PDB file of N, CA and C in Angstrom:
ATOM      1  N   MET A   1      79.960  16.771  22.733  1.00  0.00           N
ATOM      2  CA  MET A   1      80.393  16.301  21.463  1.00  0.00           C
ATOM      3  C   MET A   1      80.546  14.742  21.516  1.00  0.00           C
ATOM      4  N   SER A   2      80.152  14.119  20.519  1.00  0.00           N
ATOM      5  CA  SER A   2      80.303  12.611  20.470  1.00  0.00           C
ATOM      6  C   SER A   2      81.607  12.261  19.843  1.00  0.00           C
ATOM      7  N   ARG A   3      81.915  10.998  20.028  1.00  0.00           N
ATOM      8  CA  ARG A   3      83.248  10.463  19.517  1.00  0.00           C
ATOM      9  C   ARG A   3      83.281  10.588  18.013  1.00  0.00           C
ATOM     10  N   THR A   4      82.213  10.640  17.300  1.00  0.00           N
ATOM     11  CA  THR A   4      82.215  10.674  15.842  1.00  0.00           C
ATOM     12  C   THR A   4      82.295  12.098  15.366  1.00  0.00           C
ATOM     13  N   ASP A   5      82.422  13.153  16.269  1.00  0.00           N
ATOM     14  CA  ASP A   5      82.589  14.466  15.845  1.00  0.00           C
ATOM     15  C   ASP A   5      84.059  14.652  15.547  1.00  0.00           C
ATOM     16  N   PRO A   6      84.364  15.096  14.373  1.00  0.00           N
ATOM     17  CA  PRO A   6      85.865  15.200  13.989  1.00  0.00           C
ATOM     18  C   PRO A   6      86.579  16.203  14.946  1.00  0.00           C
ATOM     19  N   GLN A   7      85.875  17.102  15.501  1.00  0.00           N
ATOM     20  CA  GLN A   7      86.519  18.058  16.380  1.00  0.00           C
ATOM     21  C   GLN A   7      87.115  17.406  17.544  1.00  0.00           C
ATOM     22  N   THR A   8      86.620  16.262  18.010  1.00  0.00           N
ATOM     23  CA  THR A   8      87.154  15.628  19.154  1.00  0.00           C
ATOM     24  C   THR A   8      88.550  15.126  19.004  1.00  0.00           C
ATOM     25  N   LEU A   9      89.024  14.948  17.799  1.00  0.00           N
ATOM     26  CA  LEU A   9      90.313  14.492  17.468  1.00  0.00           C
ATOM     27  C   LEU A   9      91.337  15.614  17.239  1.00  0.00           C
ATOM     28  N   LEU A  10      90.945  16.811  17.174  1.00  0.00           N
ATOM     29  CA  LEU A  10      91.809  17.963  16.861  1.00  0.00           C
ATOM     30  C   LEU A  10      92.465  18.586  18.110  1.00  0.00           C
ATOM     31  N   PRO A  11      93.659  19.082  18.033  1.00  0.00           N
ATOM     32  CA  PRO A  11      94.533  19.068  16.847  1.00  0.00           C
ATOM     33  C   PRO A  11      95.139  17.718  16.529  1.00  0.00           C
ATOM     34  N   LEU A  12      95.422  17.438  15.335  1.00  0.00           N
ATOM     35  CA  LEU A  12      96.073  16.190  14.976  1.00  0.00           C
ATOM     36  C   LEU A  12      97.538  16.288  15.104  1.00  0.00           C
ATOM     37  N   THR A  13      98.176  15.153  15.423  1.00  0.00           N
ATOM     38  CA  THR A  13      99.641  15.154  15.470  1.00  0.00           C
ATOM     39  C   THR A  13     100.144  15.310  14.036  1.00  0.00           C
ATOM     40  N   ALA A  14     101.318  15.717  13.859  1.00  0.00           N
ATOM     41  CA  ALA A  14     101.878  15.827  12.496  1.00  0.00           C
ATOM     42  C   ALA A  14     101.890  14.547  11.736  1.00  0.00           C
ATOM     43  N   PRO A  15     102.328  13.365  12.330  1.00  0.00           N
ATOM     44  CA  PRO A  15     102.316  12.119  11.568  1.00  0.00           C
ATOM     45  C   PRO A  15     100.914  11.749  11.098  1.00  0.00           C
ATOM     46  N   VAL A  16      99.886  11.956  11.991  1.00  0.00           N
ATOM     47  CA  VAL A  16      98.516  11.531  11.602  1.00  0.00           C
ATOM     48  C   VAL A  16      98.058  12.412  10.441  1.00  0.00           C
ATOM     49  N   PHE A  17      98.285  13.718  10.482  1.00  0.00           N
ATOM     50  CA  PHE A  17      97.885  14.593   9.363  1.00  0.00           C
ATOM     51  C   PHE A  17      98.633  14.214   8.127  1.00  0.00           C
ATOM     52  N   HIS A  18      99.964  14.027   8.245  1.00  0.00           N
ATOM     53  CA  HIS A  18     100.769  13.573   7.027  1.00  0.00           C
ATOM     54  C   HIS A  18     100.182  12.428   6.427  1.00  0.00           C
ATOM     55  N   VAL A  19      99.835  11.329   7.165  1.00  0.00           N
ATOM     56  CA  VAL A  19      99.254  10.102   6.560  1.00  0.00           C
ATOM     57  C   VAL A  19      98.027  10.390   5.947  1.00  0.00           C
ATOM     58  N   LEU A  20      97.102  11.175   6.536  1.00  0.00           N
ATOM     59  CA  LEU A  20      95.803  11.513   5.895  1.00  0.00           C
ATOM     60  C   LEU A  20      96.064  12.232   4.619  1.00  0.00           C
ATOM     61  N   LEU A  21      96.979  13.155   4.579  1.00  0.00           N
ATOM     62  CA  LEU A  21      97.276  13.906   3.340  1.00  0.00           C
ATOM     63  C   LEU A  21      97.790  12.988   2.330  1.00  0.00           C
ATOM     64  N   ALA A  22      98.725  12.091   2.636  1.00  0.00           N
ATOM     65  CA  ALA A  22      99.308  11.142   1.667  1.00  0.00           C
ATOM     66  C   ALA A  22      98.250  10.184   1.072  1.00  0.00           C
ATOM     67  N   LEU A  23      97.248   9.846   1.829  1.00  0.00           N
ATOM     68  CA  LEU A  23      96.181   8.884   1.389  1.00  0.00           C
ATOM     69  C   LEU A  23      95.028   9.733   0.673  1.00  0.00           C
ATOM     70  N   GLY A  24      95.076  10.954   0.729  1.00  0.00           N
ATOM     71  CA  GLY A  24      93.875  11.738   0.291  1.00  0.00           C
ATOM     72  C   GLY A  24      93.437  11.454  -1.126  1.00  0.00           C
ATOM     73  N   ASP A  25      94.408  11.229  -2.042  1.00  0.00           N
ATOM     74  CA  ASP A  25      93.956  11.013  -3.408  1.00  0.00           C
ATOM     75  C   ASP A  25      93.885   9.494  -3.874  1.00  0.00           C
ATOM     76  N   SER A  26      94.540   8.610  -3.037  1.00  0.00           N
ATOM     77  CA  SER A  26      94.439   7.202  -3.491  1.00  0.00           C
ATOM     78  C   SER A  26      95.043   6.332  -2.364  1.00  0.00           C
ATOM     79  N   PRO A  27      94.605   5.081  -2.244  1.00  0.00           N
ATOM     80  CA  PRO A  27      95.216   4.173  -1.290  1.00  0.00           C
ATOM     81  C   PRO A  27      96.703   3.965  -1.645  1.00  0.00           C
ATOM     82  N   LYS A  28      97.452   3.735  -0.519  1.00  0.00           N
ATOM     83  CA  LYS A  28      98.898   3.489  -0.736  1.00  0.00           C
ATOM     84  C   LYS A  28      99.433   2.503   0.327  1.00  0.00           C
ATOM     85  N   HIS A  29     100.552   1.862   0.030  1.00  0.00           N
ATOM     86  CA  HIS A  29     101.227   1.082   1.059  1.00  0.00           C
ATOM     87  C   HIS A  29     102.148   1.912   1.779  1.00  0.00           C
ATOM     88  N   GLY A  30     102.631   1.409   2.931  1.00  0.00           N
ATOM     89  CA  GLY A  30     103.502   2.172   3.816  1.00  0.00           C
ATOM     90  C   GLY A  30     104.630   2.907   3.197  1.00  0.00           C
ATOM     91  N   TYR A  31     105.433   2.227   2.436  1.00  0.00           N
ATOM     92  CA  TYR A  31     106.628   2.899   1.875  1.00  0.00           C
ATOM     93  C   TYR A  31     106.169   3.993   0.883  1.00  0.00           C
ATOM     94  N   ALA A  32     105.057   3.769   0.110  1.00  0.00           N
ATOM     95  CA  ALA A  32     104.545   4.820  -0.801  1.00  0.00           C
ATOM     96  C   ALA A  32     104.092   6.047  -0.012  1.00  0.00           C
ATOM     97  N   ILE A  33     103.564   5.881   1.198  1.00  0.00           N
ATOM     98  CA  ILE A  33     103.114   7.012   2.028  1.00  0.00           C
ATOM     99  C   ILE A  33     104.408   7.813   2.434  1.00  0.00           C
ATOM    100  N   MET A  34     105.459   7.106   2.802  1.00  0.00           N
ATOM    101  CA  MET A  34     106.686   7.864   3.192  1.00  0.00           C
ATOM    102  C   MET A  34     107.190   8.646   2.003  1.00  0.00           C
ATOM    103  N   GLN A  35     107.235   7.925   0.863  1.00  0.00           N
ATOM    104  CA  GLN A  35     107.747   8.604  -0.417  1.00  0.00           C
ATOM    105  C   GLN A  35     106.974   9.806  -0.744  1.00  0.00           C
ATOM    106  N   TRP A  36     105.620   9.599  -0.741  1.00  0.00           N
ATOM    107  CA  TRP A  36     104.745  10.629  -1.153  1.00  0.00           C
ATOM    108  C   TRP A  36     105.014  11.934  -0.353  1.00  0.00           C
ATOM    109  N   PHE A  37     105.036  11.777   0.973  1.00  0.00           N
ATOM    110  CA  PHE A  37     105.206  12.875   1.859  1.00  0.00           C
ATOM    111  C   PHE A  37     106.611  13.528   1.666  1.00  0.00           C
ATOM    112  N   GLU A  38     107.555  12.817   1.531  1.00  0.00           N
ATOM    113  CA  GLU A  38     108.948  13.290   1.324  1.00  0.00           C
ATOM    114  C   GLU A  38     108.951  14.057  -0.012  1.00  0.00           C
ATOM    115  N   ASP A  39     108.400  13.502  -1.063  1.00  0.00           N
ATOM    116  CA  ASP A  39     108.341  14.177  -2.335  1.00  0.00           C
ATOM    117  C   ASP A  39     107.604  15.563  -2.292  1.00  0.00           C
ATOM    118  N   ARG A  40     106.368  15.571  -1.582  1.00  0.00           N
ATOM    119  CA  ARG A  40     105.612  16.781  -1.459  1.00  0.00           C
ATOM    120  C   ARG A  40     106.231  17.852  -0.665  1.00  0.00           C
ATOM    121  N   THR A  41     107.091  17.468   0.226  1.00  0.00           N
ATOM    122  CA  THR A  41     107.709  18.563   1.135  1.00  0.00           C
ATOM    123  C   THR A  41     109.174  18.857   0.658  1.00  0.00           C
ATOM    124  N   GLY A  42     109.519  18.259  -0.486  1.00  0.00           N
ATOM    125  CA  GLY A  42     110.822  18.580  -0.986  1.00  0.00           C
ATOM    126  C   GLY A  42     111.983  17.985  -0.083  1.00  0.00           C
ATOM    127  N   GLY A  43     111.572  16.969   0.661  1.00  0.00           N
ATOM    128  CA  GLY A  43     112.571  16.254   1.610  1.00  0.00           C
ATOM    129  C   GLY A  43     112.766  17.010   2.871  1.00  0.00           C
ATOM    130  N   ARG A  44     112.017  18.117   3.194  1.00  0.00           N
ATOM    131  CA  ARG A  44     112.094  18.857   4.442  1.00  0.00           C
ATOM    132  C   ARG A  44     111.456  18.086   5.524  1.00  0.00           C
ATOM    133  N   ASP A  45     110.462  17.285   5.263  1.00  0.00           N
ATOM    134  CA  ASP A  45     109.770  16.501   6.295  1.00  0.00           C
ATOM    135  C   ASP A  45     109.783  15.076   5.881  1.00  0.00           C
ATOM    136  N   ALA A  46     109.784  14.195   6.817  1.00  0.00           N
ATOM    137  CA  ALA A  46     109.784  12.752   6.533  1.00  0.00           C
ATOM    138  C   ALA A  46     109.010  12.062   7.695  1.00  0.00           C
ATOM    139  N   ILE A  47     108.518  10.901   7.374  1.00  0.00           N
ATOM    140  CA  ILE A  47     107.858  10.005   8.386  1.00  0.00           C
ATOM    141  C   ILE A  47     108.767   8.777   8.366  1.00  0.00           C
ATOM    142  N   LEU A  48     109.326   8.431   9.551  1.00  0.00           N
ATOM    143  CA  LEU A  48     110.187   7.282   9.721  1.00  0.00           C
ATOM    144  C   LEU A  48     109.244   5.999   9.760  1.00  0.00           C
ATOM    145  N   PRO A  49     109.796   4.864   9.367  1.00  0.00           N
ATOM    146  CA  PRO A  49     108.945   3.638   9.447  1.00  0.00           C
ATOM    147  C   PRO A  49     108.308   3.291  10.784  1.00  0.00           C
ATOM    148  N   GLY A  50     109.106   3.394  11.844  1.00  0.00           N
ATOM    149  CA  GLY A  50     108.525   3.024  13.156  1.00  0.00           C
ATOM    150  C   GLY A  50     107.375   3.966  13.446  1.00  0.00           C
ATOM    151  N   THR A  51     107.478   5.278  13.279  1.00  0.00           N
ATOM    152  CA  THR A  51     106.541   6.207  13.533  1.00  0.00           C
ATOM    153  C   THR A  51     105.302   6.035  12.660  1.00  0.00           C
ATOM    154  N   LEU A  52     105.552   5.717  11.341  1.00  0.00           N
ATOM    155  CA  LEU A  52     104.478   5.494  10.339  1.00  0.00           C
ATOM    156  C   LEU A  52     103.644   4.318  10.769  1.00  0.00           C
ATOM    157  N   TYR A  53     104.174   3.155  11.101  1.00  0.00           N
ATOM    158  CA  TYR A  53     103.369   1.967  11.334  1.00  0.00           C
ATOM    159  C   TYR A  53     102.593   1.997  12.682  1.00  0.00           C
ATOM    160  N   ALA A  54     103.325   2.748  13.692  1.00  0.00           N
ATOM    161  CA  ALA A  54     102.554   2.932  14.947  1.00  0.00           C
ATOM    162  C   ALA A  54     101.416   3.887  14.778  1.00  0.00           C
ATOM    163  N   THR A  55     101.573   4.852  13.843  1.00  0.00           N
ATOM    164  CA  THR A  55     100.492   5.870  13.618  1.00  0.00           C
ATOM    165  C   THR A  55      99.388   5.172  12.865  1.00  0.00           C
ATOM    166  N   ILE A  56      99.710   4.329  11.862  1.00  0.00           N
ATOM    167  CA  ILE A  56      98.671   3.665  11.069  1.00  0.00           C
ATOM    168  C   ILE A  56      97.887   2.847  11.973  1.00  0.00           C
ATOM    169  N   GLY A  57      98.530   2.146  12.889  1.00  0.00           N
ATOM    170  CA  GLY A  57      97.713   1.245  13.871  1.00  0.00           C
ATOM    171  C   GLY A  57      96.721   2.077  14.680  1.00  0.00           C
ATOM    172  N   ARG A  58      97.192   3.274  15.182  1.00  0.00           N
ATOM    173  CA  ARG A  58      96.272   4.057  16.019  1.00  0.00           C
ATOM    174  C   ARG A  58      95.197   4.601  15.081  1.00  0.00           C
ATOM    175  N   MET A  59      95.576   4.978  13.917  1.00  0.00           N
ATOM    176  CA  MET A  59      94.521   5.547  12.974  1.00  0.00           C
ATOM    177  C   MET A  59      93.468   4.603  12.607  1.00  0.00           C
ATOM    178  N   LYS A  60      93.800   3.323  12.470  1.00  0.00           N
ATOM    179  CA  LYS A  60      92.855   2.265  12.109  1.00  0.00           C
ATOM    180  C   LYS A  60      91.905   2.062  13.307  1.00  0.00           C
ATOM    181  N   GLU A  61      92.525   2.086  14.532  1.00  0.00           N
ATOM    182  CA  GLU A  61      91.649   1.929  15.683  1.00  0.00           C
ATOM    183  C   GLU A  61      90.669   3.145  15.910  1.00  0.00           C
ATOM    184  N   ALA A  62      91.115   4.310  15.413  1.00  0.00           N
ATOM    185  CA  ALA A  62      90.197   5.458  15.570  1.00  0.00           C
ATOM    186  C   ALA A  62      89.243   5.582  14.427  1.00  0.00           C
ATOM    187  N   GLY A  63      89.346   4.678  13.456  1.00  0.00           N
ATOM    188  CA  GLY A  63      88.369   4.751  12.376  1.00  0.00           C
ATOM    189  C   GLY A  63      88.723   5.686  11.207  1.00  0.00           C
ATOM    190  N   LEU A  64      90.018   6.137  11.248  1.00  0.00           N
ATOM    191  CA  LEU A  64      90.475   7.125  10.193  1.00  0.00           C
ATOM    192  C   LEU A  64      90.931   6.508   8.905  1.00  0.00           C
ATOM    193  N   LEU A  65      91.483   5.214   9.118  1.00  0.00           N
ATOM    194  CA  LEU A  65      92.072   4.486   7.934  1.00  0.00           C
ATOM    195  C   LEU A  65      91.360   3.121   8.006  1.00  0.00           C
ATOM    196  N   GLU A  66      91.523   2.462   6.802  1.00  0.00           N
ATOM    197  CA  GLU A  66      91.143   1.100   6.752  1.00  0.00           C
ATOM    198  C   GLU A  66      92.209   0.381   5.900  1.00  0.00           C
ATOM    199  N   GLU A  67      92.518  -0.860   6.256  1.00  0.00           N
ATOM    200  CA  GLU A  67      93.424  -1.687   5.469  1.00  0.00           C
ATOM    201  C   GLU A  67      92.531  -2.376   4.413  1.00  0.00           C
ATOM    202  N   LEU A  68      92.984  -2.257   3.145  1.00  0.00           N
ATOM    203  CA  LEU A  68      92.198  -2.732   1.993  1.00  0.00           C
ATOM    204  C   LEU A  68      92.368  -4.234   1.997  1.00  0.00           C
ATOM    205  N   ALA A  69      91.332  -4.907   1.676  1.00  0.00           N
ATOM    206  CA  ALA A  69      91.319  -6.342   1.554  1.00  0.00           C
ATOM    207  C   ALA A  69      92.169  -6.890   0.368  1.00  0.00           C
ATOM    208  N   GLU A  70      92.101  -6.095  -0.614  1.00  0.00           N
ATOM    209  CA  GLU A  70      92.938  -6.409  -1.831  1.00  0.00           C
ATOM    210  C   GLU A  70      93.695  -5.159  -2.296  1.00  0.00           C
ATOM    211  N   ALA A  71      94.818  -5.431  -2.973  1.00  0.00           N
ATOM    212  CA  ALA A  71      95.639  -4.311  -3.533  1.00  0.00           C
ATOM    213  C   ALA A  71      94.804  -3.635  -4.611  1.00  0.00           C
ATOM    214  N   PRO A  72      95.016  -2.277  -4.769  1.00  0.00           N
ATOM    215  CA  PRO A  72      94.375  -1.595  -5.875  1.00  0.00           C
ATOM    216  C   PRO A  72      94.751  -2.242  -7.181  1.00  0.00           C
ATOM    217  N   PRO A  73      93.909  -2.167  -8.205  1.00  0.00           N
ATOM    218  CA  PRO A  73      94.212  -2.807  -9.579  1.00  0.00           C
ATOM    219  C   PRO A  73      95.493  -2.278 -10.198  1.00  0.00           C
ATOM    220  N   ASP A  74      95.886  -1.051  -9.948  1.00  0.00           N
ATOM    221  CA  ASP A  74      97.090  -0.505 -10.563  1.00  0.00           C
ATOM    222  C   ASP A  74      98.373  -0.695  -9.674  1.00  0.00           C
ATOM    223  N   SER A  75      98.252  -1.466  -8.642  1.00  0.00           N
ATOM    224  CA  SER A  75      99.424  -1.686  -7.751  1.00  0.00           C
ATOM    225  C   SER A  75     100.501  -2.569  -8.452  1.00  0.00           C
ATOM    226  N   THR A  76     101.732  -2.278  -8.106  1.00  0.00           N
ATOM    227  CA  THR A  76     102.753  -3.099  -8.745  1.00  0.00           C
ATOM    228  C   THR A  76     103.327  -4.230  -7.782  1.00  0.00           C
ATOM    229  N   ASP A  77     102.822  -4.238  -6.531  1.00  0.00           N
ATOM    230  CA  ASP A  77     103.229  -5.220  -5.567  1.00  0.00           C
ATOM    231  C   ASP A  77     102.023  -5.606  -4.754  1.00  0.00           C
ATOM    232  N   ARG A  78     101.388  -6.713  -5.124  1.00  0.00           N
ATOM    233  CA  ARG A  78     100.175  -7.098  -4.465  1.00  0.00           C
ATOM    234  C   ARG A  78     100.396  -7.683  -3.114  1.00  0.00           C
ATOM    235  N   ARG A  79     101.650  -8.008  -2.683  1.00  0.00           N
ATOM    236  CA  ARG A  79     101.975  -8.518  -1.383  1.00  0.00           C
ATOM    237  C   ARG A  79     101.974  -7.475  -0.289  1.00  0.00           C
ATOM    238  N   ARG A  80     102.033  -6.156  -0.659  1.00  0.00           N
ATOM    239  CA  ARG A  80     102.020  -5.117   0.366  1.00  0.00           C
ATOM    240  C   ARG A  80     100.668  -4.953   0.952  1.00  0.00           C
ATOM    241  N   ARG A  81     100.613  -4.315   2.121  1.00  0.00           N
ATOM    242  CA  ARG A  81      99.428  -3.871   2.738  1.00  0.00           C
ATOM    243  C   ARG A  81      99.067  -2.450   2.302  1.00  0.00           C
ATOM    244  N   TYR A  82      97.877  -2.324   1.768  1.00  0.00           N
ATOM    245  CA  TYR A  82      97.425  -0.955   1.262  1.00  0.00           C
ATOM    246  C   TYR A  82      96.433  -0.448   2.309  1.00  0.00           C
ATOM    247  N   TYR A  83      96.440   0.920   2.414  1.00  0.00           N
ATOM    248  CA  TYR A  83      95.598   1.649   3.366  1.00  0.00           C
ATOM    249  C   TYR A  83      94.854   2.704   2.589  1.00  0.00           C
ATOM    250  N   GLY A  84      93.607   2.982   3.021  1.00  0.00           N
ATOM    251  CA  GLY A  84      92.807   3.997   2.498  1.00  0.00           C
ATOM    252  C   GLY A  84      92.169   4.862   3.563  1.00  0.00           C
ATOM    253  N   VAL A  85      91.782   6.045   3.281  1.00  0.00           N
ATOM    254  CA  VAL A  85      91.147   6.927   4.206  1.00  0.00           C
ATOM    255  C   VAL A  85      89.649   6.611   4.205  1.00  0.00           C
ATOM    256  N   THR A  86      89.110   6.555   5.466  1.00  0.00           N
ATOM    257  CA  THR A  86      87.631   6.332   5.560  1.00  0.00           C
ATOM    258  C   THR A  86      86.910   7.664   5.425  1.00  0.00           C
ATOM    259  N   ALA A  87      85.632   7.661   5.278  1.00  0.00           N
ATOM    260  CA  ALA A  87      84.794   8.772   5.273  1.00  0.00           C
ATOM    261  C   ALA A  87      85.059   9.669   6.484  1.00  0.00           C
ATOM    262  N   PHE A  88      85.083   9.019   7.641  1.00  0.00           N
ATOM    263  CA  PHE A  88      85.393   9.755   8.890  1.00  0.00           C
ATOM    264  C   PHE A  88      86.761  10.374   8.873  1.00  0.00           C
ATOM    265  N   GLY A  89      87.817   9.654   8.304  1.00  0.00           N
ATOM    266  CA  GLY A  89      89.079  10.128   8.181  1.00  0.00           C
ATOM    267  C   GLY A  89      89.184  11.454   7.303  1.00  0.00           C
ATOM    268  N   ARG A  90      88.375  11.466   6.265  1.00  0.00           N
ATOM    269  CA  ARG A  90      88.273  12.620   5.343  1.00  0.00           C
ATOM    270  C   ARG A  90      87.660  13.857   6.191  1.00  0.00           C
ATOM    271  N   GLU A  91      86.615  13.512   6.956  1.00  0.00           N
ATOM    272  CA  GLU A  91      85.997  14.608   7.681  1.00  0.00           C
ATOM    273  C   GLU A  91      87.029  15.247   8.732  1.00  0.00           C
ATOM    274  N   VAL A  92      87.786  14.378   9.315  1.00  0.00           N
ATOM    275  CA  VAL A  92      88.783  14.833  10.291  1.00  0.00           C
ATOM    276  C   VAL A  92      89.903  15.604   9.583  1.00  0.00           C
ATOM    277  N   ALA A  93      90.361  15.152   8.416  1.00  0.00           N
ATOM    278  CA  ALA A  93      91.469  15.912   7.711  1.00  0.00           C
ATOM    279  C   ALA A  93      90.856  17.241   7.241  1.00  0.00           C
ATOM    280  N   PHE A  94      89.709  17.263   6.809  1.00  0.00           N
ATOM    281  CA  PHE A  94      89.081  18.598   6.396  1.00  0.00           C
ATOM    282  C   PHE A  94      88.976  19.558   7.627  1.00  0.00           C
ATOM    283  N   ALA A  95      88.475  19.040   8.788  1.00  0.00           N
ATOM    284  CA  ALA A  95      88.366  19.840   9.971  1.00  0.00           C
ATOM    285  C   ALA A  95      89.792  20.393  10.380  1.00  0.00           C
ATOM    286  N   GLU A  96      90.836  19.558  10.316  1.00  0.00           N
ATOM    287  CA  GLU A  96      92.167  19.989  10.628  1.00  0.00           C
ATOM    288  C   GLU A  96      92.682  21.042   9.655  1.00  0.00           C
ATOM    289  N   SER A  97      92.316  20.819   8.343  1.00  0.00           N
ATOM    290  CA  SER A  97      92.762  21.779   7.376  1.00  0.00           C
ATOM    291  C   SER A  97      92.172  23.167   7.653  1.00  0.00           C
ATOM    292  N   GLU A  98      90.884  23.193   7.993  1.00  0.00           N
ATOM    293  CA  GLU A  98      90.173  24.360   8.384  1.00  0.00           C
ATOM    294  C   GLU A  98      90.837  25.075   9.567  1.00  0.00           C
ATOM    295  N   ARG A  99      91.096  24.249  10.626  1.00  0.00           N
ATOM    296  CA  ARG A  99      91.777  24.732  11.793  1.00  0.00           C
ATOM    297  C   ARG A  99      93.108  25.372  11.492  1.00  0.00           C
ATOM    298  N   LEU A 100      93.890  24.801  10.699  1.00  0.00           N
ATOM    299  CA  LEU A 100      95.189  25.356  10.298  1.00  0.00           C
ATOM    300  C   LEU A 100      95.068  26.588   9.405  1.00  0.00           C
ATOM    301  N   ALA A 101      94.005  26.605   8.595  1.00  0.00           N
ATOM    302  CA  ALA A 101      93.832  27.806   7.762  1.00  0.00           C
ATOM    303  C   ALA A 101      93.453  28.998   8.595  1.00  0.00           C
ATOM    304  N   ARG A 102      92.638  28.806   9.675  1.00  0.00           N
ATOM    305  CA  ARG A 102      92.257  29.865  10.587  1.00  0.00           C
ATOM    306  C   ARG A 102      93.532  30.358  11.276  1.00  0.00           C
ATOM    307  N   LEU A 103      94.345  29.446  11.709  1.00  0.00           N
ATOM    308  CA  LEU A 103      95.674  29.814  12.444  1.00  0.00           C
ATOM    309  C   LEU A 103      96.570  30.648  11.445  1.00  0.00           C
ATOM    310  N   LEU A 104      96.655  30.222  10.224  1.00  0.00           N
ATOM    311  CA  LEU A 104      97.434  30.902   9.202  1.00  0.00           C
ATOM    312  C   LEU A 104      96.956  32.338   8.998  1.00  0.00           C
ATOM    313  N   ALA A 105      95.613  32.445   8.964  1.00  0.00           N
ATOM    314  CA  ALA A 105      94.970  33.786   8.836  1.00  0.00           C
ATOM    315  C   ALA A 105      95.372  34.690   9.947  1.00  0.00           C
ATOM    316  N   VAL A 106      95.383  34.211  11.189  1.00  0.00           N
ATOM    317  CA  VAL A 106      95.719  34.947  12.340  1.00  0.00           C
ATOM    318  C   VAL A 106      97.210  35.305  12.212  1.00  0.00           C
ATOM    319  N   ALA A 107      98.072  34.397  11.872  1.00  0.00           N
ATOM    320  CA  ALA A 107      99.421  34.691  11.708  1.00  0.00           C
ATOM    321  C   ALA A 107      99.734  35.746  10.744  1.00  0.00           C
ATOM    322  N   ARG A 108      99.003  35.688   9.595  1.00  0.00           N
ATOM    323  CA  ARG A 108      99.204  36.728   8.530  1.00  0.00           C
ATOM    324  C   ARG A 108      98.636  38.079   9.047  1.00  0.00           C
ATOM    325  N   SER A 109      97.660  38.089   9.838  1.00  0.00           N
ATOM    326  CA  SER A 109      97.120  39.455  10.299  1.00  0.00           C
ATOM    327  C   SER A 109      98.082  40.082  11.208  1.00  0.00           C
ATOM    328  N   VAL A 110      99.084  39.380  11.796  1.00  0.00           N
ATOM    329  CA  VAL A 110     100.095  40.034  12.632  1.00  0.00           C
ATOM    330  C   VAL A 110     101.507  40.000  12.010  1.00  0.00           C
ATOM    331  N   ASP A 111     101.537  39.741  10.676  1.00  0.00           N
ATOM    332  CA  ASP A 111     102.766  39.690   9.968  1.00  0.00           C
ATOM    333  C   ASP A 111     103.762  38.631  10.357  1.00  0.00           C
ATOM    334  N   LEU A 112     103.198  37.465  10.715  1.00  0.00           N
ATOM    335  CA  LEU A 112     104.042  36.341  11.112  1.00  0.00           C
ATOM    336  C   LEU A 112     103.934  35.149  10.146  1.00  0.00           C
ATOM    337  N   ALA A 113     103.424  35.398   9.007  1.00  0.00           N
ATOM    338  CA  ALA A 113     103.338  34.457   7.871  1.00  0.00           C
ATOM    339  C   ALA A 113     103.366  35.093   6.590  1.00  0.00           C
ATOM    340  N   PRO A 114     103.947  34.424   5.548  1.00  0.00           N
ATOM    341  CA  PRO A 114     103.900  34.955   4.292  1.00  0.00           C
ATOM    342  C   PRO A 114     102.490  35.006   3.656  1.00  0.00           C
ATOM    343  N   GLU A 115     102.238  35.947   2.795  1.00  0.00           N
ATOM    344  CA  GLU A 115     100.946  36.022   2.128  1.00  0.00           C
ATOM    345  C   GLU A 115     100.738  34.891   1.102  1.00  0.00           C
ATOM    346  N   VAL A 116     101.860  34.409   0.535  1.00  0.00           N
ATOM    347  CA  VAL A 116     101.736  33.294  -0.388  1.00  0.00           C
ATOM    348  C   VAL A 116     102.596  32.190   0.124  1.00  0.00           C
ATOM    349  N   VAL A 117     101.944  31.016   0.154  1.00  0.00           N
ATOM    350  CA  VAL A 117     102.715  29.798   0.603  1.00  0.00           C
ATOM    351  C   VAL A 117     103.165  29.028  -0.666  1.00  0.00           C
ATOM    352  N   PRO A 118     104.367  28.617  -0.717  1.00  0.00           N
ATOM    353  CA  PRO A 118     104.907  27.859  -1.921  1.00  0.00           C
ATOM    354  C   PRO A 118     103.904  26.688  -2.242  1.00  0.00           C
ATOM    355  N   ASP A 119     103.788  26.441  -3.507  1.00  0.00           N
ATOM    356  CA  ASP A 119     102.855  25.332  -3.936  1.00  0.00           C
ATOM    357  C   ASP A 119     103.468  24.025  -3.554  1.00  0.00           C
ATOM    358  N   ALA A 120     102.597  23.024  -3.294  1.00  0.00           N
ATOM    359  CA  ALA A 120     103.055  21.639  -3.097  1.00  0.00           C
ATOM    360  C   ALA A 120     103.444  21.095  -4.503  1.00  0.00           C
ATOM    361  N   ARG A 121     104.248  20.202  -4.410  1.00  0.00           N
ATOM    362  CA  ARG A 121     104.566  19.506  -5.751  1.00  0.00           C
ATOM    363  C   ARG A 121     103.514  18.815  -6.239  1.00  0.00           C
TER     364      ARG A 121
END
């Protein structure tokens, strides 16, 4: 497998997957990433600032994220640093989602997971 094969990065750590999920629909700055994830999990999960920014640094080095040169047109604070998922980052997130779906299917087959998972907000 080459380094550009998404499988080489799996399984993802929770913070890496959380950041990819948060950036899946649009670029965001760090605080918005933390808010998005907390909102989507109903406050059950959170990413702390130190963990977030260390994770973002590693993800940029791995080619999963990029820092945008300019803030998105709809941003309210152009002084913040905005991040977006790269094409490779999307491939890796999709591969991780498939991996987790397979594990969930196995857990369901042995009655260790609910048949229906609560909707995300």
